[in-house]
Structures are given as C-alpha cells and as structure tokens.
Amino acid sequence: MITGAAFVALVMGALAYVSGDSSTFLVNLAEIIGVIALFALVCATESISER
C-alpha cells in the first residue's frame, strides 16, 4: 500500500517539477510527506497493539 501511494506521489511530483509549476510541486511534496507520516502512524499503532 505504501509503495503504490509513494510511487504515485513521486511521479506526480516529478511531472509537476518538469512542468515548472511551483505551487503544484509544493502540493505534491506535501502529499509525499503525508504518505510517509501516515505510514509511520500505522507502524506505530501496530507496534503498540502487538504488546
């Protein structure tokens, strides 16, 4: 799940970077950070619930 979401976010970010639109690039950068943060939250929740 995380791999697919990160791949899509990276591709969209790369396309926005090539097009030169800085606002779209910043939005896609925020999406990448959000995906990583969500994955970290899920991992933390699973590690706590396994105890």
C-alpha atoms as a PDB file:
ATOM      1  CA  MET A   1       0.000   0.000   0.000  1.00  0.00           C
ATOM      2  CA  ILE A   2       2.725   2.466   0.975  1.00  0.00           C
ATOM      3  CA  THR A   3       4.760   1.591  -2.105  1.00  0.00           C
ATOM      4  CA  GLY A   4       1.925   2.326  -4.508  1.00  0.00           C
ATOM      5  CA  ALA A   5       0.988   5.591  -2.819  1.00  0.00           C
ATOM      6  CA  ALA A   6       4.588   6.754  -2.659  1.00  0.00           C
ATOM      7  CA  PHE A   7       5.151   5.830  -6.306  1.00  0.00           C
ATOM      8  CA  VAL A   8       2.095   7.802  -7.451  1.00  0.00           C
ATOM      9  CA  ALA A   9       3.087  10.797  -5.315  1.00  0.00           C
ATOM     10  CA  LEU A  10       6.654  10.730  -6.647  1.00  0.00           C
ATOM     11  CA  VAL A  11       5.516  10.507 -10.272  1.00  0.00           C
ATOM     12  CA  MET A  12       3.096  13.392  -9.805  1.00  0.00           C
ATOM     13  CA  GLY A  13       5.831  15.407  -8.096  1.00  0.00           C
ATOM     14  CA  ALA A  14       8.275  14.711 -10.915  1.00  0.00           C
ATOM     15  CA  LEU A  15       5.723  15.760 -13.534  1.00  0.00           C
ATOM     16  CA  ALA A  16       4.962  18.965 -11.636  1.00  0.00           C
ATOM     17  CA  TYR A  17       8.689  19.701 -11.301  1.00  0.00           C
ATOM     18  CA  VAL A  18       9.235  19.245 -15.039  1.00  0.00           C
ATOM     19  CA  SER A  19       6.274  21.468 -15.880  1.00  0.00           C
ATOM     20  CA  GLY A  20       7.728  24.256 -13.727  1.00  0.00           C
ATOM     21  CA  ASP A  21       4.585  24.975 -11.700  1.00  0.00           C
ATOM     22  CA  SER A  22       5.915  25.574  -8.192  1.00  0.00           C
ATOM     23  CA  SER A  23       2.530  25.514  -6.423  1.00  0.00           C
ATOM     24  CA  THR A  24       1.717  22.072  -7.829  1.00  0.00           C
ATOM     25  CA  PHE A  25       5.184  20.878  -6.852  1.00  0.00           C
ATOM     26  CA  LEU A  26       4.640  22.038  -3.272  1.00  0.00           C
ATOM     27  CA  VAL A  27       1.269  20.290  -3.110  1.00  0.00           C
ATOM     28  CA  ASN A  28       2.821  17.043  -4.329  1.00  0.00           C
ATOM     29  CA  LEU A  29       5.670  17.409  -1.854  1.00  0.00           C
ATOM     30  CA  ALA A  30       3.084  17.758   0.905  1.00  0.00           C
ATOM     31  CA  GLU A  31       1.382  14.590  -0.389  1.00  0.00           C
ATOM     32  CA  ILE A  32       4.656  12.662  -0.170  1.00  0.00           C
ATOM     33  CA  ILE A  33       5.240  13.880   3.379  1.00  0.00           C
ATOM     34  CA  GLY A  34       1.653  12.957   4.278  1.00  0.00           C
ATOM     35  CA  VAL A  35       2.059   9.431   2.901  1.00  0.00           C
ATOM     36  CA  ILE A  36       5.241   8.925   4.902  1.00  0.00           C
ATOM     37  CA  ALA A  37       3.631  10.320   8.068  1.00  0.00           C
ATOM     38  CA  LEU A  38       0.562   8.106   7.640  1.00  0.00           C
ATOM     39  CA  PHE A  39       2.756   5.034   7.178  1.00  0.00           C
ATOM     40  CA  ALA A  40       4.738   5.922  10.307  1.00  0.00           C
ATOM     41  CA  LEU A  41       1.496   6.332  12.264  1.00  0.00           C
ATOM     42  CA  VAL A  42       0.208   2.945  11.102  1.00  0.00           C
ATOM     43  CA  CYS A  43       3.502   1.275  12.036  1.00  0.00           C
ATOM     44  CA  ALA A  44       3.486   2.922  15.461  1.00  0.00           C
ATOM     45  CA  THR A  45      -0.103   1.828  16.078  1.00  0.00           C
ATOM     46  CA  GLU A  46       0.662  -1.757  15.089  1.00  0.00           C
ATOM     47  CA  SER A  47       3.730  -1.904  17.323  1.00  0.00           C
ATOM     48  CA  ILE A  48       1.735  -0.638  20.311  1.00  0.00           C
ATOM     49  CA  SER A  49      -1.177  -3.022  19.730  1.00  0.00           C
ATOM     50  CA  GLU A  50       1.122  -6.077  19.495  1.00  0.00           C
ATOM     51  CA  ARG A  51       2.308  -5.642  23.082  1.00  0.00           C
END
